[in-house]
């Protein structure tokens, strides 16, 4: 039962980390390697608003997510738009931006274990005899809410349908008058805000450190590759596969092997099924 409960919690956390990355790639076909940096930005901005400006916690969260969304949109509008369509350049440019942000925080003195965010609620509850603290329960609730919101948003709103159209067939969407670059800006902003939401929910479980940006990026890439790049629901399913695999690894091998599971998932998927579980990319064909 403890493996089931904490596997579900870990899976919800991985889904929160990966949905922003999957959204951006699914719509604009840009692999946003600054995803982890946007995660850390939200944490530090929230901490600054809360501790330095003494703002209300939820107001700090709202401001941090808005700022992160604007930063994501600006990254596309001024940098990624110039290399869109050039796969290697997209990766290099977005990773360079993320690296500059993360190492800029380190250079600015944001390091160590002194930066923390308060939990939404204190205390623990018992589920089938297993103690679960309230913050981890919020991870599952908010993770489920985000998945439901994204599904409803992309099926019942005009903007969501336009984004969905871009994800399904960009050429057909362009013929219908949908602006590709405008949708990419919206996708980057939404992806950045989803990354920020993950930070707000998950960072109270630990410390705000620069290294967390790199960890989140690796986890998000692993989930998206296993689920299939461009598939949002595939990312959710992959989050559960990797999430439970990590918990089994922690229980039977040790916590320091948890990241190895994500890396092995990437390698095995690329060997066995390069397009992932629900990916639409053309798999490698045998050359004779």
Protein backbone atom coordinates (compact mmCIF):
# COMPACT_ATOMS: atom_id res chain seq x y z
CA UNK A 1 0.00 0.00 0.00
CA UNK A 2 2.82 2.44 0.74
CA UNK A 3 4.31 1.76 -2.71
CA UNK A 4 0.92 2.41 -4.31
CA UNK A 5 0.32 5.64 -2.38
CA UNK A 6 3.79 7.13 -2.82
CA UNK A 7 4.02 5.83 -6.39
CA UNK A 8 0.84 7.77 -7.19
CA UNK A 9 2.24 10.89 -5.52
CA UNK A 10 5.55 10.59 -7.40
CA UNK A 11 3.70 10.01 -10.69
CA UNK A 12 1.58 13.13 -10.16
CA UNK A 13 4.74 15.11 -9.43
CA UNK A 14 6.39 13.87 -12.65
CA UNK A 15 3.27 14.72 -14.65
CA UNK A 16 3.32 18.27 -13.26
CA UNK A 17 7.01 18.61 -14.18
CA UNK A 18 6.50 17.34 -17.74
CA UNK A 19 3.19 18.80 -18.92
CA UNK A 20 4.65 22.23 -19.69
CA UNK A 21 7.46 20.71 -21.77
CA UNK A 22 4.98 18.44 -23.59
CA UNK A 23 2.61 21.34 -24.28
CA UNK A 24 5.31 23.53 -25.84
CA UNK A 25 6.70 20.75 -28.02
CA UNK A 26 3.28 19.47 -29.03
CA UNK A 27 2.19 22.87 -30.35
CA UNK A 28 5.35 24.57 -31.62
CA UNK A 29 7.67 21.52 -32.06
CA UNK A 30 10.28 23.39 -30.01
CA UNK A 31 12.08 21.37 -27.30
CA UNK A 32 12.21 23.95 -24.52
CA UNK A 33 15.42 23.09 -22.68
CA UNK A 34 14.95 26.19 -20.52
CA UNK A 35 12.04 24.37 -18.84
CA UNK A 36 13.97 23.60 -15.65
CA UNK A 37 15.22 27.18 -15.40
CA UNK A 38 11.64 28.49 -15.57
CA UNK A 39 10.78 26.07 -12.75
CA UNK A 40 13.52 27.53 -10.55
CA UNK A 41 12.66 31.12 -11.51
CA UNK A 42 9.15 30.66 -10.14
CA UNK A 43 10.48 29.34 -6.86
CA UNK A 44 12.96 32.16 -6.34
CA UNK A 45 10.51 34.90 -7.41
CA UNK A 46 7.90 33.52 -5.00
CA UNK A 47 10.49 33.43 -2.22
CA UNK A 48 11.58 37.03 -2.96
CA UNK A 49 7.98 38.31 -3.00
CA UNK A 50 7.24 36.44 0.22
CA UNK A 51 10.38 37.19 2.24
CA UNK A 52 11.72 40.46 0.83
CA UNK A 53 8.47 42.26 -0.06
CA UNK A 54 6.34 40.53 2.62
CA UNK A 55 3.46 39.89 0.24
CA UNK A 56 0.67 37.41 0.86
CA UNK A 57 1.71 33.86 -0.04
CA UNK A 58 -0.92 33.30 -2.71
CA UNK A 59 -0.37 36.78 -4.15
CA UNK A 60 3.34 35.93 -4.34
CA UNK A 61 2.47 32.71 -6.17
CA UNK A 62 0.24 34.54 -8.64
CA UNK A 63 2.86 37.20 -9.38
CA UNK A 64 5.62 34.60 -9.76
CA UNK A 65 3.58 32.55 -12.25
CA UNK A 66 2.66 35.64 -14.28
CA UNK A 67 6.30 36.75 -14.37
CA UNK A 68 7.40 33.25 -15.41
CA UNK A 69 4.76 33.16 -18.16
CA UNK A 70 5.93 36.54 -19.50
CA UNK A 71 9.56 35.36 -19.44
CA UNK A 72 8.58 32.23 -21.39
CA UNK A 73 6.78 34.31 -24.02
CA UNK A 74 9.74 36.71 -24.31
CA UNK A 75 12.18 33.82 -24.73
CA UNK A 76 10.25 32.70 -27.80
CA UNK A 77 9.49 36.16 -29.17
CA UNK A 78 13.07 37.42 -29.09
CA UNK A 79 15.24 34.31 -29.37
CA UNK A 80 13.58 31.02 -30.32
CA UNK A 81 11.52 32.54 -33.13
CA UNK A 82 14.80 33.20 -34.97
CA UNK A 83 15.86 29.54 -34.90
CA UNK A 84 12.47 27.86 -35.17
CA UNK A 85 12.57 24.94 -37.56
CA UNK A 86 16.30 24.34 -37.01
CA UNK A 87 16.22 21.46 -34.52
CA UNK A 88 19.81 21.60 -33.30
CA UNK A 89 19.74 25.39 -33.00
CA UNK A 90 16.49 25.22 -31.00
CA UNK A 91 18.06 22.83 -28.51
CA UNK A 92 21.29 24.81 -28.21
CA UNK A 93 19.51 28.16 -27.89
CA UNK A 94 16.95 27.03 -25.29
CA UNK A 95 19.55 25.12 -23.26
CA UNK A 96 21.90 28.11 -23.35
CA UNK A 97 19.10 30.34 -22.03
CA UNK A 98 18.32 27.90 -19.24
CA UNK A 99 21.99 27.51 -18.37
CA UNK A 100 22.47 31.28 -18.23
CA UNK A 101 19.46 31.68 -15.94
CA UNK A 102 20.41 28.89 -13.56
CA UNK A 103 24.09 29.79 -13.31
CA UNK A 104 23.09 33.46 -13.03
CA UNK A 105 21.13 32.57 -9.89
CA UNK A 106 24.15 30.69 -8.55
CA UNK A 107 26.43 33.64 -9.32
CA UNK A 108 23.93 35.97 -7.62
CA UNK A 109 24.22 34.05 -4.36
CA UNK A 110 21.07 31.92 -4.53
CA UNK A 111 22.65 28.71 -3.31
CA UNK A 112 22.60 26.58 -0.23
CA UNK A 113 19.67 25.25 1.76
CA UNK A 114 18.27 28.54 3.11
CA UNK A 115 15.58 29.12 0.47
CA UNK A 116 12.34 27.29 1.19
CA UNK A 117 8.63 27.80 0.54
CA UNK A 118 5.98 27.06 3.17
CA UNK A 119 3.59 24.16 2.68
CA UNK A 120 0.00 24.93 1.73
CA UNK A 121 -1.23 23.09 4.83
CA UNK A 122 0.49 21.43 7.77
CA UNK A 123 -0.21 18.05 9.24
CA UNK A 124 -0.60 14.50 7.98
CA UNK A 125 -3.48 12.18 7.27
CA UNK A 126 -3.63 8.38 7.45
CA UNK A 127 -4.52 6.50 4.24
CA UNK A 128 -4.90 2.76 4.87
CA UNK A 129 -2.52 3.09 7.80
CA UNK A 130 0.10 5.01 5.79
CA UNK A 131 0.91 8.58 6.93
CA UNK A 132 0.79 11.13 4.10
CA UNK A 133 1.52 14.80 4.69
CA UNK A 134 -0.96 17.31 3.33
CA UNK A 135 1.43 18.89 0.81
CA UNK A 136 1.89 15.57 -0.97
CA UNK A 137 -1.87 15.16 -1.07
CA UNK A 138 -2.05 18.57 -2.75
CA UNK A 139 0.42 17.29 -5.37
CA UNK A 140 -2.03 14.58 -6.45
CA UNK A 141 -5.09 16.85 -6.31
CA UNK A 142 -3.48 19.68 -8.27
CA UNK A 143 -1.92 17.25 -10.75
CA UNK A 144 -5.33 15.73 -11.51
CA UNK A 145 -6.88 19.20 -11.72
CA UNK A 146 -4.23 20.40 -14.22
CA UNK A 147 -4.76 17.40 -16.50
CA UNK A 148 -8.55 17.93 -16.39
CA UNK A 149 -8.13 21.66 -17.04
CA UNK A 150 -5.85 21.10 -20.04
CA UNK A 151 -8.29 18.60 -21.56
CA UNK A 152 -11.26 20.95 -21.09
CA UNK A 153 -9.25 23.97 -22.27
CA UNK A 154 -8.16 22.29 -25.51
CA UNK A 155 -11.64 20.91 -26.27
CA UNK A 156 -14.05 23.68 -25.31
CA UNK A 157 -12.30 27.05 -25.75
CA UNK A 158 -11.52 28.92 -28.95
CA UNK A 159 -7.86 29.43 -28.02
CA UNK A 160 -7.51 25.84 -26.85
CA UNK A 161 -8.95 24.52 -30.11
CA UNK A 162 -6.53 26.71 -32.07
CA UNK A 163 -3.63 25.29 -30.05
CA UNK A 164 -4.94 21.79 -30.59
CA UNK A 165 -5.23 22.44 -34.32
CA UNK A 166 -1.61 23.59 -34.44
CA UNK A 167 -0.54 20.46 -32.60
CA UNK A 168 -2.45 18.15 -34.98
CA UNK A 169 -1.63 19.73 -38.35
CA UNK A 170 0.27 23.02 -38.55
CA UNK A 171 -0.18 23.46 -42.31
CA UNK A 172 -3.93 22.96 -42.15
CA UNK A 173 -4.12 25.38 -39.19
CA UNK A 174 -2.18 28.00 -41.17
CA UNK A 175 -4.60 27.61 -44.09
CA UNK A 176 -7.47 28.31 -41.68
CA UNK A 177 -5.86 31.58 -40.60
CA UNK A 178 -4.27 30.52 -37.33
CA UNK A 179 -1.07 32.47 -36.67
CA UNK A 180 1.68 29.93 -36.01
CA UNK A 181 4.03 32.29 -34.17
CA UNK A 182 1.25 33.73 -32.03
CA UNK A 183 0.21 30.23 -30.97
CA UNK A 184 3.84 29.38 -30.22
CA UNK A 185 4.09 32.44 -27.96
CA UNK A 186 0.92 31.38 -26.14
CA UNK A 187 2.25 27.83 -25.83
CA UNK A 188 5.56 29.06 -24.38
CA UNK A 189 3.73 31.25 -21.87
CA UNK A 190 1.40 28.43 -20.84
CA UNK A 191 4.26 25.93 -20.69
CA UNK A 192 6.29 28.29 -18.51
CA UNK A 193 3.31 28.82 -16.19
CA UNK A 194 2.76 25.05 -15.94
CA UNK A 195 6.42 24.66 -15.04
CA UNK A 196 5.93 27.40 -12.44
CA UNK A 197 2.85 25.69 -11.03
CA UNK A 198 4.85 22.49 -10.62
CA UNK A 199 7.48 24.48 -8.72
CA UNK A 200 4.91 26.05 -6.41
CA UNK A 201 3.45 22.64 -5.53
CA UNK A 202 6.69 20.63 -5.30
CA UNK A 203 9.28 23.03 -3.87
CA UNK A 204 7.66 23.17 -0.39
CA UNK A 205 8.71 19.51 -0.11
CA UNK A 206 12.39 20.53 -0.27
CA UNK A 207 14.67 23.48 -0.88
CA UNK A 208 14.93 25.94 -3.77
CA UNK A 209 18.31 25.15 -5.28
CA UNK A 210 19.80 25.73 -8.72
CA UNK A 211 20.44 22.00 -9.19
CA UNK A 212 16.71 21.36 -9.08
CA UNK A 213 16.39 23.00 -12.49
CA UNK A 214 18.63 20.40 -14.09
CA UNK A 215 16.82 17.54 -12.31
CA UNK A 216 13.39 18.76 -13.44
CA UNK A 217 14.58 19.12 -17.04
CA UNK A 218 15.87 15.52 -17.10
CA UNK A 219 12.68 14.16 -15.53
CA UNK A 220 10.48 16.12 -17.96
CA UNK A 221 12.48 14.93 -20.99
CA UNK A 222 12.31 11.32 -19.77
CA UNK A 223 8.53 11.47 -19.32
CA UNK A 224 7.98 13.11 -22.72
CA UNK A 225 10.25 10.70 -24.60
CA UNK A 226 8.63 7.62 -23.04
CA UNK A 227 5.13 9.00 -23.58
CA UNK A 228 5.93 10.24 -27.07
CA UNK A 229 7.04 13.77 -27.88
CA UNK A 230 4.01 15.87 -28.66
CA UNK A 231 1.50 13.64 -26.83
CA UNK A 232 0.11 15.25 -23.66
CA UNK A 233 -1.82 12.21 -22.48
CA UNK A 234 1.15 10.01 -23.34
CA UNK A 235 3.20 12.14 -20.95
CA UNK A 236 0.67 11.47 -18.18
CA UNK A 237 0.81 7.70 -18.75
CA UNK A 238 4.62 7.77 -18.91
CA UNK A 239 4.69 9.74 -15.65
CA UNK A 240 2.91 6.85 -13.93
CA UNK A 241 5.22 4.25 -15.48
CA UNK A 242 8.40 6.10 -14.47
CA UNK A 243 6.90 7.29 -11.17
CA UNK A 244 6.14 3.77 -9.93
CA UNK A 245 9.44 2.44 -11.30
CA UNK A 246 11.29 5.09 -9.29
CA UNK A 247 9.43 4.20 -6.09
CA UNK A 248 10.20 0.49 -6.56
CA UNK A 249 13.84 1.46 -7.09
CA UNK A 250 13.91 3.59 -3.94
CA UNK A 251 12.37 0.78 -1.87
CA UNK A 252 14.56 -2.06 -3.12
CA UNK A 253 17.81 -0.37 -4.23
CA UNK A 254 18.05 3.07 -2.64
CA UNK A 255 17.10 6.69 -3.22
CA UNK A 256 20.32 7.52 -5.09
CA UNK A 257 19.20 5.27 -8.00
CA UNK A 258 16.03 7.30 -8.61
CA UNK A 259 17.52 9.50 -11.33
CA UNK A 260 19.07 6.43 -12.99
CA UNK A 261 15.54 5.17 -13.69
CA UNK A 262 14.73 8.31 -15.71
CA UNK A 263 17.96 8.02 -17.71
CA UNK A 264 17.41 4.30 -18.37
CA UNK A 265 13.85 5.06 -19.49
CA UNK A 266 15.20 7.49 -22.08
CA UNK A 267 17.81 5.03 -23.37
CA UNK A 268 15.49 2.00 -23.53
CA UNK A 269 12.72 3.96 -25.24
CA UNK A 270 15.09 5.29 -27.89
CA UNK A 271 16.36 1.75 -28.53
CA UNK A 272 13.03 -0.13 -28.51
CA UNK A 273 10.47 2.45 -29.67
CA UNK A 274 12.03 5.80 -30.64
CA UNK A 275 8.65 7.50 -31.14
CA UNK A 276 7.51 6.65 -27.59
CA UNK A 277 4.22 5.12 -26.49
CA UNK A 278 1.96 7.61 -28.27
CA UNK A 279 4.40 9.54 -30.42
CA UNK A 280 3.72 10.30 -34.05
CA UNK A 281 7.30 10.66 -35.17
CA UNK A 282 8.41 8.36 -37.97
CA UNK A 283 10.44 5.54 -36.53
CA UNK A 284 13.78 4.57 -38.02
CA UNK A 285 13.40 2.22 -40.95
CA UNK A 286 15.77 -0.63 -41.65
CA UNK A 287 18.15 0.26 -44.47
CA UNK A 288 18.99 -2.55 -46.87
